[in-house]
Amino acid sequence: PQQPQPKESLLDKIKSNTPKIFISNSTNPFMNLALEDYIFQHTPISKPFTAQRLIFYTNSPCVVIGKNQNPWRETNFPLLNSLQIPLLRRRSGGGTVVHDLGNVNYSYITTRDMFSRSYFGKLIVDVINESMGLDKIKQNERGDIVTMNNDKLSGSAFKISRGKSYHHGTMLLNSNLDVLKKLLNKKERENVMEFECNAVDSVSSPVSNLGLENEKFIELVQDGFKKVYGSDVEVVEINDDDEGFNNNEIANIGKELHDWKWRFGGTPPFEMRLHNEEFNIDVSFKVEKGYAKKIDVITSDDDLKKSFQYLVQVVEDGEPVKFKGSDIAGFILHDELSEWIGNQIDGT
C-alpha cells in the first residue's frame, strides 16, 4: 500500500517557490510580528522570483513604534501603562501606529529589485474602489492610503534585507479612533516636557475608518493578489494552537520583540527635560540604551536639590538604572516630586 504523504509543515509552505497568502487567526501582537518576520526570513529567492507573499493579521490593542523611534516621545506613555496596553518596536522603519481589533495589518513580500513604495498600496486602492463602484480612496505621495479628503486610512512601513523587501501597513476599518488619538496625544505633556534626540518622529495626520468589515477587506485584497499571481494561489490559515505558532523559532523572535532591551533599549540616545512649575525645578535625564546616564537638577532650593543627591550619585557611579518611572522615582527622596517624575516618565 502507498505510504501516506507527510503533512506539509508551515515552514515547507513558506519555503515553497510559489506565491502564497498567509492569514493569522491569532490576535497576539508579539506572535503576529514574529510570524511576519519568520515568513520574511524563510521566503526563498530565485530568478525569476515566484515566491511573493501576502500576510494578514489583526492584533489585540497595542501601540507599535518604528525601529528608530523613541517611545517616551511618541506615545502618551502614562495612559498606555494605566490601560495596560503593550508597546512593541517593529523591525521596519516608519512611524507609530495603534492596532486594535478594528484594523487589519497586511504585509506584501517581494524581492529587493522589485521593491516599490507604491505598488501594493495601488493594488489595495484599486480593488477597494472597484468594489465600491466609485473612487473612495487614493494614495498620497508618501505611499499612505487616504480618503478623498486626505484623512489617513493606512500608513506604510518598509524593510529591505538580504535581497528581499516587504511593505506593510495597517488599514483602519472600524477602529476606536478616540482611544487611538489619546494614546498618541502628547500635547498635555508639552508644557512640562522637552526632548533632544535623533530618533525618527512620526508625521501626525488626521485619521478615518474605511468602514468595511475585516473579513471583507481581507477577501477583496486577497482577490486582488490572486488576479496578479493566479487564482490557484494557496491560502494558508495559521491558528493560535496549531504547529505554526508552536514553533521554537517564531517563539524566540516573539521573545526578542518582547524583551525590554529591544523595546526600550533600542531607542537612540536622548535627553528629556522636565519642568515642575509648583516647585520651580528643572530636571534633565540623558538616556542611552534605555538607561539613565546623567541627571542634572536646576533649582535655587538647596533642600530640593539634596533630595536628588542619591539618584545623581547612583547614576554617576555607573549603576544600571532603567529609565522607568518607578525605578527613577525610587531614588528621589521627596515624595511629591518623586511621584510627579514617575508619572511624567511613564506613569509607573
C-alpha atoms as a PDB file:
ATOM      1  CA  PRO A   1       0.000   0.000   0.000  1.00  0.00           C
ATOM      2  CA  GLN A   2       1.046   3.530  -0.708  1.00  0.00           C
ATOM      3  CA  GLN A   3       2.593   5.393   2.208  1.00  0.00           C
ATOM      4  CA  PRO A   4       0.572   8.492   3.182  1.00  0.00           C
ATOM      5  CA  GLN A   5       2.326  11.713   2.222  1.00  0.00           C
ATOM      6  CA  PRO A   6       3.743  13.565   5.256  1.00  0.00           C
ATOM      7  CA  LYS A   7       1.743  16.710   6.070  1.00  0.00           C
ATOM      8  CA  GLU A   8       3.384  19.833   4.664  1.00  0.00           C
ATOM      9  CA  SER A   9       4.647  21.967   7.554  1.00  0.00           C
ATOM     10  CA  LEU A  10       4.272  25.729   7.801  1.00  0.00           C
ATOM     11  CA  LEU A  11       7.994  26.061   7.014  1.00  0.00           C
ATOM     12  CA  ASP A  12       7.560  23.878   3.874  1.00  0.00           C
ATOM     13  CA  LYS A  13       4.801  26.197   2.699  1.00  0.00           C
ATOM     14  CA  ILE A  14       6.889  29.309   3.402  1.00  0.00           C
ATOM     15  CA  LYS A  15       9.893  27.851   1.578  1.00  0.00           C
ATOM     16  CA  SER A  16       7.865  26.795  -1.460  1.00  0.00           C
ATOM     17  CA  ASN A  17       8.604  28.714  -4.633  1.00  0.00           C
ATOM     18  CA  THR A  18       5.030  29.737  -5.407  1.00  0.00           C
ATOM     19  CA  PRO A  19       3.017  32.817  -4.365  1.00  0.00           C
ATOM     20  CA  LYS A  20       1.176  32.305  -1.058  1.00  0.00           C
ATOM     21  CA  ILE A  21      -1.309  34.102   1.190  1.00  0.00           C
ATOM     22  CA  PHE A  22      -0.940  33.617   4.950  1.00  0.00           C
ATOM     23  CA  ILE A  23      -3.744  34.558   7.353  1.00  0.00           C
ATOM     24  CA  SER A  24      -3.061  34.514  11.098  1.00  0.00           C
ATOM     25  CA  ASN A  25      -6.028  33.791  13.352  1.00  0.00           C
ATOM     26  CA  SER A  26      -4.041  34.841  16.430  1.00  0.00           C
ATOM     27  CA  THR A  27      -4.531  38.299  17.932  1.00  0.00           C
ATOM     28  CA  ASN A  28      -1.271  38.233  19.949  1.00  0.00           C
ATOM     29  CA  PRO A  29       0.735  41.214  18.608  1.00  0.00           C
ATOM     30  CA  PHE A  30       4.151  39.808  19.607  1.00  0.00           C
ATOM     31  CA  MET A  31       3.449  36.465  17.901  1.00  0.00           C
ATOM     32  CA  ASN A  32       1.986  38.094  14.780  1.00  0.00           C
ATOM     33  CA  LEU A  33       5.014  40.363  14.295  1.00  0.00           C
ATOM     34  CA  ALA A  34       7.230  37.319  14.929  1.00  0.00           C
ATOM     35  CA  LEU A  35       5.290  35.291  12.331  1.00  0.00           C
ATOM     36  CA  GLU A  36       5.678  38.088   9.766  1.00  0.00           C
ATOM     37  CA  ASP A  37       9.428  38.179  10.408  1.00  0.00           C
ATOM     38  CA  TYR A  38       9.680  34.361  10.204  1.00  0.00           C
ATOM     39  CA  ILE A  39       7.878  34.282   6.845  1.00  0.00           C
ATOM     40  CA  PHE A  40      10.103  37.104   5.557  1.00  0.00           C
ATOM     41  CA  GLN A  41      13.309  35.331   6.664  1.00  0.00           C
ATOM     42  CA  HIS A  42      12.385  31.973   5.101  1.00  0.00           C
ATOM     43  CA  THR A  43      10.822  33.124   1.819  1.00  0.00           C
ATOM     44  CA  PRO A  44      13.152  31.781  -0.927  1.00  0.00           C
ATOM     45  CA  ILE A  45      14.790  33.947  -3.580  1.00  0.00           C
ATOM     46  CA  SER A  46      15.086  32.598  -7.112  1.00  0.00           C
ATOM     47  CA  LYS A  47      15.435  34.007 -10.627  1.00  0.00           C
ATOM     48  CA  PRO A  48      12.794  34.633 -11.827  1.00  0.00           C
ATOM     49  CA  PHE A  49      11.257  35.309  -8.403  1.00  0.00           C
ATOM     50  CA  THR A  50       7.962  33.476  -7.887  1.00  0.00           C
ATOM     51  CA  ALA A  51       7.531  33.423  -4.092  1.00  0.00           C
ATOM     52  CA  GLN A  52       5.549  36.618  -3.471  1.00  0.00           C
ATOM     53  CA  ARG A  53       3.829  36.604  -0.080  1.00  0.00           C
ATOM     54  CA  LEU A  54       0.768  38.362   1.305  1.00  0.00           C
ATOM     55  CA  ILE A  55       0.194  38.192   5.080  1.00  0.00           C
ATOM     56  CA  PHE A  56      -2.849  39.339   7.065  1.00  0.00           C
ATOM     57  CA  TYR A  57      -3.150  39.637  10.849  1.00  0.00           C
ATOM     58  CA  THR A  58      -5.264  41.505  13.399  1.00  0.00           C
ATOM     59  CA  ASN A  59      -3.901  42.426  16.830  1.00  0.00           C
ATOM     60  CA  SER A  60      -5.479  42.995  20.214  1.00  0.00           C
ATOM     61  CA  PRO A  61      -4.933  46.624  21.331  1.00  0.00           C
ATOM     62  CA  CYS A  62      -1.268  47.681  21.266  1.00  0.00           C
ATOM     63  CA  VAL A  63       0.967  50.540  20.134  1.00  0.00           C
ATOM     64  CA  VAL A  64       3.724  49.776  17.610  1.00  0.00           C
ATOM     65  CA  ILE A  65       6.648  52.149  17.097  1.00  0.00           C
ATOM     66  CA  GLY A  66       9.121  52.155  14.214  1.00  0.00           C
ATOM     67  CA  LYS A  67      12.587  50.624  14.596  1.00  0.00           C
ATOM     68  CA  ASN A  68      14.318  54.002  15.098  1.00  0.00           C
ATOM     69  CA  GLN A  69      11.745  55.765  17.264  1.00  0.00           C
ATOM     70  CA  ASN A  70      11.584  56.999  20.868  1.00  0.00           C
ATOM     71  CA  PRO A  71       8.579  55.559  22.770  1.00  0.00           C
ATOM     72  CA  TRP A  72       8.778  58.233  25.512  1.00  0.00           C
ATOM     73  CA  ARG A  73       8.397  60.894  22.845  1.00  0.00           C
ATOM     74  CA  GLU A  74       5.914  59.194  20.511  1.00  0.00           C
ATOM     75  CA  THR A  75       3.234  57.987  22.911  1.00  0.00           C
ATOM     76  CA  ASN A  76       1.144  59.029  25.885  1.00  0.00           C
ATOM     77  CA  PHE A  77       3.145  56.570  27.956  1.00  0.00           C
ATOM     78  CA  PRO A  78       1.280  57.064  31.271  1.00  0.00           C
ATOM     79  CA  LEU A  79      -2.040  56.273  29.537  1.00  0.00           C
ATOM     80  CA  LEU A  80      -0.582  53.160  27.850  1.00  0.00           C
ATOM     81  CA  ASN A  81       0.549  51.841  31.207  1.00  0.00           C
ATOM     82  CA  SER A  82      -2.684  52.685  33.027  1.00  0.00           C
ATOM     83  CA  LEU A  83      -4.708  50.855  30.334  1.00  0.00           C
ATOM     84  CA  GLN A  84      -2.117  48.022  30.287  1.00  0.00           C
ATOM     85  CA  ILE A  85      -1.701  48.366  26.526  1.00  0.00           C
ATOM     86  CA  PRO A  86       1.596  46.813  25.381  1.00  0.00           C
ATOM     87  CA  LEU A  87       4.169  48.739  23.371  1.00  0.00           C
ATOM     88  CA  LEU A  88       6.082  46.968  20.582  1.00  0.00           C
ATOM     89  CA  ARG A  89       9.054  48.070  18.482  1.00  0.00           C
ATOM     90  CA  ARG A  90       8.882  46.586  14.995  1.00  0.00           C
ATOM     91  CA  ARG A  91      11.855  45.743  12.776  1.00  0.00           C
ATOM     92  CA  SER A  92      10.901  48.139   9.985  1.00  0.00           C
ATOM     93  CA  GLY A  93      11.142  51.941   9.924  1.00  0.00           C
ATOM     94  CA  GLY A  94       8.277  54.422   9.781  1.00  0.00           C
ATOM     95  CA  GLY A  95       6.071  55.987  12.421  1.00  0.00           C
ATOM     96  CA  THR A  96       3.953  54.966  15.410  1.00  0.00           C
ATOM     97  CA  VAL A  97       0.602  53.226  14.929  1.00  0.00           C
ATOM     98  CA  VAL A  98      -2.144  51.933  17.192  1.00  0.00           C
ATOM     99  CA  HIS A  99      -3.511  48.452  16.471  1.00  0.00           C
ATOM    100  CA  ASP A 100      -6.831  47.092  17.694  1.00  0.00           C
ATOM    101  CA  LEU A 101      -9.370  44.500  16.532  1.00  0.00           C
ATOM    102  CA  GLY A 102     -10.932  47.108  14.206  1.00  0.00           C
ATOM    103  CA  ASN A 103      -7.956  47.261  11.859  1.00  0.00           C
ATOM    104  CA  VAL A 104      -6.242  44.696   9.658  1.00  0.00           C
ATOM    105  CA  ASN A 105      -2.499  44.578   9.106  1.00  0.00           C
ATOM    106  CA  TYR A 106      -1.240  43.470   5.721  1.00  0.00           C
ATOM    107  CA  SER A 107       2.281  42.698   4.553  1.00  0.00           C
ATOM    108  CA  TYR A 108       3.483  42.176   0.974  1.00  0.00           C
ATOM    109  CA  ILE A 109       6.831  40.455   0.431  1.00  0.00           C
ATOM    110  CA  THR A 110       8.818  40.547  -2.808  1.00  0.00           C
ATOM    111  CA  THR A 111      12.472  40.966  -3.863  1.00  0.00           C
ATOM    112  CA  ARG A 112      14.730  43.946  -3.278  1.00  0.00           C
ATOM    113  CA  ASP A 113      14.842  44.556  -7.052  1.00  0.00           C
ATOM    114  CA  MET A 114      11.043  44.602  -7.324  1.00  0.00           C
ATOM    115  CA  PHE A 115      10.596  46.836  -4.268  1.00  0.00           C
ATOM    116  CA  SER A 116       8.220  49.758  -4.729  1.00  0.00           C
ATOM    117  CA  ARG A 117       6.759  52.134  -2.158  1.00  0.00           C
ATOM    118  CA  SER A 118       3.539  52.450  -4.131  1.00  0.00           C
ATOM    119  CA  TYR A 119       2.897  49.134  -5.937  1.00  0.00           C
ATOM    120  CA  PHE A 120       0.936  47.225  -3.283  1.00  0.00           C
ATOM    121  CA  GLY A 121      -0.847  50.320  -1.977  1.00  0.00           C
ATOM    122  CA  LYS A 122      -2.113  50.937  -5.512  1.00  0.00           C
ATOM    123  CA  LEU A 123      -3.381  47.343  -5.711  1.00  0.00           C
ATOM    124  CA  ILE A 124      -5.371  47.890  -2.471  1.00  0.00           C
ATOM    125  CA  VAL A 125      -6.742  51.258  -3.655  1.00  0.00           C
ATOM    126  CA  ASP A 126      -7.830  49.764  -6.990  1.00  0.00           C
ATOM    127  CA  VAL A 127      -9.658  46.729  -5.512  1.00  0.00           C
ATOM    128  CA  ILE A 128     -11.448  48.815  -2.861  1.00  0.00           C
ATOM    129  CA  ASN A 129     -12.554  51.482  -5.336  1.00  0.00           C
ATOM    130  CA  GLU A 130     -13.671  48.840  -7.839  1.00  0.00           C
ATOM    131  CA  SER A 131     -15.753  47.038  -5.189  1.00  0.00           C
ATOM    132  CA  MET A 132     -17.459  50.290  -4.155  1.00  0.00           C
ATOM    133  CA  GLY A 133     -18.067  51.407  -7.712  1.00  0.00           C
ATOM    134  CA  LEU A 134     -16.557  54.850  -7.087  1.00  0.00           C
ATOM    135  CA  ASP A 135     -13.259  56.467  -6.135  1.00  0.00           C
ATOM    136  CA  LYS A 136     -13.470  56.420  -2.370  1.00  0.00           C
ATOM    137  CA  ILE A 137      -9.749  56.205  -1.516  1.00  0.00           C
ATOM    138  CA  LYS A 138      -6.387  57.147  -3.057  1.00  0.00           C
ATOM    139  CA  GLN A 139      -2.656  57.008  -2.398  1.00  0.00           C
ATOM    140  CA  ASN A 140      -0.699  60.107  -1.411  1.00  0.00           C
ATOM    141  CA  GLU A 141       2.904  60.914  -2.340  1.00  0.00           C
ATOM    142  CA  ARG A 142       4.173  59.264   0.882  1.00  0.00           C
ATOM    143  CA  GLY A 143       2.571  55.950  -0.138  1.00  0.00           C
ATOM    144  CA  ASP A 144      -0.148  56.216   2.550  1.00  0.00           C
ATOM    145  CA  ILE A 145      -3.723  55.240   1.675  1.00  0.00           C
ATOM    146  CA  VAL A 146      -6.064  58.151   2.375  1.00  0.00           C
ATOM    147  CA  THR A 147      -9.682  59.233   1.854  1.00  0.00           C
ATOM    148  CA  MET A 148     -10.509  61.733  -0.871  1.00  0.00           C
ATOM    149  CA  ASN A 149     -10.336  64.361   1.934  1.00  0.00           C
ATOM    150  CA  ASN A 150      -6.778  63.186   2.754  1.00  0.00           C
ATOM    151  CA  ASP A 151      -7.638  61.541   6.101  1.00  0.00           C
ATOM    152  CA  LYS A 152      -5.206  58.679   6.653  1.00  0.00           C
ATOM    153  CA  LEU A 153      -6.637  55.143   6.442  1.00  0.00           C
ATOM    154  CA  SER A 154      -3.368  53.235   6.235  1.00  0.00           C
ATOM    155  CA  GLY A 155       0.216  54.264   6.887  1.00  0.00           C
ATOM    156  CA  SER A 156       3.088  52.231   5.465  1.00  0.00           C
ATOM    157  CA  ALA A 157       6.462  50.975   6.614  1.00  0.00           C
ATOM    158  CA  PHE A 158       9.137  49.151   4.644  1.00  0.00           C
ATOM    159  CA  LYS A 159      12.086  46.857   5.185  1.00  0.00           C
ATOM    160  CA  ILE A 160      14.774  45.758   2.720  1.00  0.00           C
ATOM    161  CA  SER A 161      17.164  42.997   3.781  1.00  0.00           C
ATOM    162  CA  ARG A 162      19.060  40.065   2.228  1.00  0.00           C
ATOM    163  CA  GLY A 163      17.742  40.616  -1.277  1.00  0.00           C
ATOM    164  CA  LYS A 164      14.090  40.758  -0.142  1.00  0.00           C
ATOM    165  CA  SER A 165      11.703  43.557   0.797  1.00  0.00           C
ATOM    166  CA  TYR A 166       8.398  43.991   2.476  1.00  0.00           C
ATOM    167  CA  HIS A 167       5.811  46.727   2.559  1.00  0.00           C
ATOM    168  CA  HIS A 168       3.373  46.537   5.442  1.00  0.00           C
ATOM    169  CA  GLY A 169       0.576  48.737   6.665  1.00  0.00           C
ATOM    170  CA  THR A 170      -2.392  48.861   8.998  1.00  0.00           C
ATOM    171  CA  MET A 171      -5.808  49.536   7.484  1.00  0.00           C
ATOM    172  CA  LEU A 172      -8.246  51.371   9.757  1.00  0.00           C
ATOM    173  CA  LEU A 173     -11.628  49.728   9.193  1.00  0.00           C
ATOM    174  CA  ASN A 174     -13.655  50.113  12.411  1.00  0.00           C
ATOM    175  CA  SER A 175     -11.001  51.159  14.931  1.00  0.00           C
ATOM    176  CA  ASN A 176     -11.671  53.070  18.123  1.00  0.00           C
ATOM    177  CA  LEU A 177     -10.274  56.371  16.841  1.00  0.00           C
ATOM    178  CA  ASP A 178     -10.876  58.257  20.117  1.00  0.00           C
ATOM    179  CA  VAL A 179      -8.622  55.855  22.024  1.00  0.00           C
ATOM    180  CA  LEU A 180      -6.113  55.870  19.149  1.00  0.00           C
ATOM    181  CA  LYS A 181      -5.828  59.658  19.325  1.00  0.00           C
ATOM    182  CA  LYS A 182      -5.470  59.665  23.138  1.00  0.00           C
ATOM    183  CA  LEU A 183      -2.710  57.032  23.095  1.00  0.00           C
ATOM    184  CA  LEU A 184      -0.682  59.158  20.675  1.00  0.00           C
ATOM    185  CA  ASN A 185      -1.630  62.524  22.221  1.00  0.00           C
ATOM    186  CA  LYS A 186       1.444  64.183  23.724  1.00  0.00           C
ATOM    187  CA  LYS A 187       0.019  67.723  23.856  1.00  0.00           C
ATOM    188  CA  GLU A 188      -0.919  67.741  27.537  1.00  0.00           C
ATOM    189  CA  ARG A 189       2.697  66.911  28.422  1.00  0.00           C
ATOM    190  CA  GLU A 190       4.298  69.523  26.150  1.00  0.00           C
ATOM    191  CA  ASN A 191       4.233  72.303  28.753  1.00  0.00           C
ATOM    192  CA  VAL A 192       6.324  70.238  31.193  1.00  0.00           C
ATOM    193  CA  MET A 193       8.485  68.144  28.879  1.00  0.00           C
ATOM    194  CA  GLU A 194      11.137  68.781  26.209  1.00  0.00           C
ATOM    195  CA  PHE A 195      13.191  66.314  24.181  1.00  0.00           C
ATOM    196  CA  GLU A 196      16.507  66.345  22.387  1.00  0.00           C
ATOM    197  CA  CYS A 197      17.073  63.248  20.303  1.00  0.00           C
ATOM    198  CA  ASN A 198      17.878  61.931  16.837  1.00  0.00           C
ATOM    199  CA  ALA A 199      15.026  59.439  16.749  1.00  0.00           C
ATOM    200  CA  VAL A 200      12.620  59.420  13.785  1.00  0.00           C
ATOM    201  CA  ASP A 201       9.474  61.476  14.500  1.00  0.00           C
ATOM    202  CA  SER A 202       6.038  60.322  13.407  1.00  0.00           C
ATOM    203  CA  VAL A 203       4.161  62.552  10.976  1.00  0.00           C
ATOM    204  CA  SER A 204       0.854  63.395  12.640  1.00  0.00           C
ATOM    205  CA  SER A 205      -2.191  63.086  10.362  1.00  0.00           C
ATOM    206  CA  PRO A 206      -5.996  63.190  10.703  1.00  0.00           C
ATOM    207  CA  VAL A 207      -7.351  59.629  10.511  1.00  0.00           C
ATOM    208  CA  SER A 208     -10.578  57.913   9.399  1.00  0.00           C
ATOM    209  CA  ASN A 209     -12.070  54.436   9.276  1.00  0.00           C
ATOM    210  CA  LEU A 210     -12.891  52.829   5.931  1.00  0.00           C
ATOM    211  CA  GLY A 211     -15.969  51.151   7.436  1.00  0.00           C
ATOM    212  CA  LEU A 212     -15.543  47.706   5.824  1.00  0.00           C
ATOM    213  CA  GLU A 213     -15.689  44.529   7.914  1.00  0.00           C
ATOM    214  CA  ASN A 214     -12.286  42.878   8.481  1.00  0.00           C
ATOM    215  CA  GLU A 215     -13.232  39.727   6.528  1.00  0.00           C
ATOM    216  CA  LYS A 216     -14.489  41.781   3.557  1.00  0.00           C
ATOM    217  CA  PHE A 217     -11.245  43.792   3.374  1.00  0.00           C
ATOM    218  CA  ILE A 218      -9.144  40.594   3.524  1.00  0.00           C
ATOM    219  CA  GLU A 219     -11.303  38.964   0.830  1.00  0.00           C
ATOM    220  CA  LEU A 220     -11.020  41.964  -1.539  1.00  0.00           C
ATOM    221  CA  VAL A 221      -7.238  42.330  -1.179  1.00  0.00           C
ATOM    222  CA  GLN A 222      -6.787  38.555  -1.433  1.00  0.00           C
ATOM    223  CA  ASP A 223      -8.747  38.577  -4.713  1.00  0.00           C
ATOM    224  CA  GLY A 224      -6.586  41.452  -5.995  1.00  0.00           C
ATOM    225  CA  PHE A 225      -3.423  39.450  -5.191  1.00  0.00           C
ATOM    226  CA  LYS A 226      -4.865  36.368  -6.970  1.00  0.00           C
ATOM    227  CA  LYS A 227      -5.664  38.429 -10.081  1.00  0.00           C
ATOM    228  CA  VAL A 228      -1.959  39.235 -10.355  1.00  0.00           C
ATOM    229  CA  TYR A 229      -0.433  35.904  -9.241  1.00  0.00           C
ATOM    230  CA  GLY A 230      -3.066  33.335 -10.261  1.00  0.00           C
ATOM    231  CA  SER A 231      -6.458  32.205  -8.978  1.00  0.00           C
ATOM    232  CA  ASP A 232      -4.920  28.987  -7.619  1.00  0.00           C
ATOM    233  CA  VAL A 233      -2.700  30.790  -5.051  1.00  0.00           C
ATOM    234  CA  GLU A 234      -2.832  28.765  -1.815  1.00  0.00           C
ATOM    235  CA  VAL A 235      -4.299  30.466   1.274  1.00  0.00           C
ATOM    236  CA  VAL A 236      -2.676  29.212   4.490  1.00  0.00           C
ATOM    237  CA  GLU A 237      -4.531  29.861   7.758  1.00  0.00           C
ATOM    238  CA  ILE A 238      -2.483  29.729  10.954  1.00  0.00           C
ATOM    239  CA  ASN A 239      -4.265  29.195  14.267  1.00  0.00           C
ATOM    240  CA  ASP A 240      -3.035  30.007  17.760  1.00  0.00           C
ATOM    241  CA  ASP A 241      -2.965  26.374  18.766  1.00  0.00           C
ATOM    242  CA  ASP A 242      -1.580  24.646  15.667  1.00  0.00           C
ATOM    243  CA  GLU A 243       2.022  23.794  14.823  1.00  0.00           C
ATOM    244  CA  GLY A 244       2.533  27.192  13.165  1.00  0.00           C
ATOM    245  CA  PHE A 245       2.712  29.060  16.451  1.00  0.00           C
ATOM    246  CA  ASN A 246       4.164  26.116  18.398  1.00  0.00           C
ATOM    247  CA  ASN A 247       7.386  26.745  16.553  1.00  0.00           C
ATOM    248  CA  ASN A 248      10.569  27.464  18.514  1.00  0.00           C
ATOM    249  CA  GLU A 249      11.909  29.972  16.005  1.00  0.00           C
ATOM    250  CA  ILE A 250       8.695  32.040  15.997  1.00  0.00           C
ATOM    251  CA  ALA A 251       8.543  31.810  19.808  1.00  0.00           C
ATOM    252  CA  ASN A 252      12.158  33.046  20.050  1.00  0.00           C
ATOM    253  CA  ILE A 253      11.506  36.004  17.707  1.00  0.00           C
ATOM    254  CA  GLY A 254       8.419  36.793  19.847  1.00  0.00           C
ATOM    255  CA  LYS A 255      10.598  36.753  22.988  1.00  0.00           C
ATOM    256  CA  GLU A 256      13.149  39.087  21.348  1.00  0.00           C
ATOM    257  CA  LEU A 257      10.350  41.505  20.388  1.00  0.00           C
ATOM    258  CA  HIS A 258       9.046  41.347  23.983  1.00  0.00           C
ATOM    259  CA  ASP A 259      12.456  41.939  25.545  1.00  0.00           C
ATOM    260  CA  TRP A 260      12.886  45.289  27.357  1.00  0.00           C
ATOM    261  CA  LYS A 261      16.322  45.614  25.740  1.00  0.00           C
ATOM    262  CA  TRP A 262      14.743  45.673  22.257  1.00  0.00           C
ATOM    263  CA  ARG A 263      11.555  47.648  23.026  1.00  0.00           C
ATOM    264  CA  PHE A 264      13.146  50.412  25.115  1.00  0.00           C
ATOM    265  CA  GLY A 265      16.895  49.829  24.950  1.00  0.00           C
ATOM    266  CA  GLY A 266      16.654  50.120  21.153  1.00  0.00           C
ATOM    267  CA  THR A 267      15.893  53.868  21.457  1.00  0.00           C
ATOM    268  CA  PRO A 268      18.576  56.219  20.066  1.00  0.00           C
ATOM    269  CA  PRO A 269      20.302  58.315  22.812  1.00  0.00           C
ATOM    270  CA  PHE A 270      18.141  61.216  24.007  1.00  0.00           C
ATOM    271  CA  GLU A 271      17.697  63.870  26.659  1.00  0.00           C
ATOM    272  CA  MET A 272      14.370  64.500  28.397  1.00  0.00           C
ATOM    273  CA  ARG A 273      13.896  67.728  30.362  1.00  0.00           C
ATOM    274  CA  LEU A 274      11.080  68.096  32.891  1.00  0.00           C
ATOM    275  CA  HIS A 275       9.890  71.390  34.356  1.00  0.00           C
ATOM    276  CA  ASN A 276       7.769  71.478  37.525  1.00  0.00           C
ATOM    277  CA  GLU A 277       6.009  74.833  37.933  1.00  0.00           C
ATOM    278  CA  GLU A 278       4.890  74.293  41.531  1.00  0.00           C
ATOM    279  CA  PHE A 279       8.391  73.644  42.875  1.00  0.00           C
ATOM    280  CA  ASN A 280      10.163  75.732  40.197  1.00  0.00           C
ATOM    281  CA  ILE A 281      12.602  72.966  39.353  1.00  0.00           C
ATOM    282  CA  ASP A 282      14.062  71.592  36.114  1.00  0.00           C
ATOM    283  CA  VAL A 283      15.368  68.022  35.906  1.00  0.00           C
ATOM    284  CA  SER A 284      17.086  66.637  32.801  1.00  0.00           C
ATOM    285  CA  PHE A 285      17.847  62.994  32.074  1.00  0.00           C
ATOM    286  CA  LYS A 286      20.373  61.809  29.487  1.00  0.00           C
ATOM    287  CA  VAL A 287      19.347  58.317  28.438  1.00  0.00           C
ATOM    288  CA  GLU A 288      21.302  55.723  26.442  1.00  0.00           C
ATOM    289  CA  LYS A 289      20.062  52.233  25.525  1.00  0.00           C
ATOM    290  CA  GLY A 290      17.136  52.787  27.879  1.00  0.00           C
ATOM    291  CA  TYR A 291      19.307  53.554  30.933  1.00  0.00           C
ATOM    292  CA  ALA A 292      19.745  56.892  32.755  1.00  0.00           C
ATOM    293  CA  LYS A 293      23.330  58.042  32.186  1.00  0.00           C
ATOM    294  CA  LYS A 294      23.341  61.613  33.543  1.00  0.00           C
ATOM    295  CA  ILE A 295      20.962  63.647  35.708  1.00  0.00           C
ATOM    296  CA  ASP A 296      21.018  67.457  36.011  1.00  0.00           C
ATOM    297  CA  VAL A 297      18.895  69.294  38.589  1.00  0.00           C
ATOM    298  CA  ILE A 298      18.379  73.073  38.358  1.00  0.00           C
ATOM    299  CA  THR A 299      16.722  74.799  41.312  1.00  0.00           C
ATOM    300  CA  SER A 300      17.520  77.603  43.757  1.00  0.00           C
ATOM    301  CA  ASP A 301      16.190  75.480  46.643  1.00  0.00           C
ATOM    302  CA  ASP A 302      19.114  73.562  48.190  1.00  0.00           C
ATOM    303  CA  ASP A 303      16.856  71.176  50.122  1.00  0.00           C
ATOM    304  CA  LEU A 304      15.077  70.177  46.904  1.00  0.00           C
ATOM    305  CA  LYS A 305      18.416  69.664  45.188  1.00  0.00           C
ATOM    306  CA  LYS A 306      19.562  67.417  48.045  1.00  0.00           C
ATOM    307  CA  SER A 307      16.538  65.155  47.557  1.00  0.00           C
ATOM    308  CA  PHE A 308      18.038  64.198  44.130  1.00  0.00           C
ATOM    309  CA  GLN A 309      21.538  63.560  45.508  1.00  0.00           C
ATOM    310  CA  TYR A 310      21.065  59.808  45.871  1.00  0.00           C
ATOM    311  CA  LEU A 311      19.776  59.437  42.271  1.00  0.00           C
ATOM    312  CA  VAL A 312      22.573  61.628  40.842  1.00  0.00           C
ATOM    313  CA  GLN A 313      25.213  59.666  42.773  1.00  0.00           C
ATOM    314  CA  VAL A 314      23.936  56.219  41.799  1.00  0.00           C
ATOM    315  CA  VAL A 315      23.877  57.207  38.092  1.00  0.00           C
ATOM    316  CA  GLU A 316      27.336  58.846  38.307  1.00  0.00           C
ATOM    317  CA  ASP A 317      28.701  55.660  39.892  1.00  0.00           C
ATOM    318  CA  GLY A 318      27.620  53.796  36.751  1.00  0.00           C
ATOM    319  CA  GLU A 319      24.885  51.725  38.422  1.00  0.00           C
ATOM    320  CA  PRO A 320      22.388  50.469  35.792  1.00  0.00           C
ATOM    321  CA  VAL A 321      19.203  52.483  36.388  1.00  0.00           C
ATOM    322  CA  LYS A 322      16.489  51.758  33.825  1.00  0.00           C
ATOM    323  CA  PHE A 323      14.621  54.819  32.566  1.00  0.00           C
ATOM    324  CA  LYS A 324      11.365  53.612  34.106  1.00  0.00           C
ATOM    325  CA  GLY A 325       9.241  55.935  36.221  1.00  0.00           C
ATOM    326  CA  SER A 326       9.120  53.573  39.206  1.00  0.00           C
ATOM    327  CA  ASP A 327      12.887  52.904  39.089  1.00  0.00           C
ATOM    328  CA  ILE A 328      13.852  56.596  38.858  1.00  0.00           C
ATOM    329  CA  ALA A 329      11.268  57.709  41.437  1.00  0.00           C
ATOM    330  CA  GLY A 330      12.609  55.186  43.949  1.00  0.00           C
ATOM    331  CA  PHE A 331      15.867  57.154  44.218  1.00  0.00           C
ATOM    332  CA  ILE A 332      14.229  60.588  44.748  1.00  0.00           C
ATOM    333  CA  LEU A 333      13.827  61.497  48.421  1.00  0.00           C
ATOM    334  CA  HIS A 334      10.928  63.940  48.012  1.00  0.00           C
ATOM    335  CA  ASP A 335       7.533  62.255  47.943  1.00  0.00           C
ATOM    336  CA  GLU A 336       5.622  64.703  45.755  1.00  0.00           C
ATOM    337  CA  LEU A 337       8.397  65.230  43.178  1.00  0.00           C
ATOM    338  CA  SER A 338       9.218  61.524  43.169  1.00  0.00           C
ATOM    339  CA  GLU A 339       5.596  60.672  42.275  1.00  0.00           C
ATOM    340  CA  TRP A 340       5.327  63.509  39.747  1.00  0.00           C
ATOM    341  CA  ILE A 341       8.502  62.495  37.900  1.00  0.00           C
ATOM    342  CA  GLY A 342       7.479  58.818  37.832  1.00  0.00           C
ATOM    343  CA  ASN A 343       4.128  59.853  36.357  1.00  0.00           C
ATOM    344  CA  GLN A 344       5.725  62.090  33.722  1.00  0.00           C
ATOM    345  CA  ILE A 345       8.182  59.424  32.545  1.00  0.00           C
ATOM    346  CA  ASP A 346       5.687  56.604  32.068  1.00  0.00           C
ATOM    347  CA  GLY A 347       3.001  56.669  34.738  1.00  0.00           C
ATOM    348  CA  THR A 348       4.575  53.932  36.870  1.00  0.00           C
END
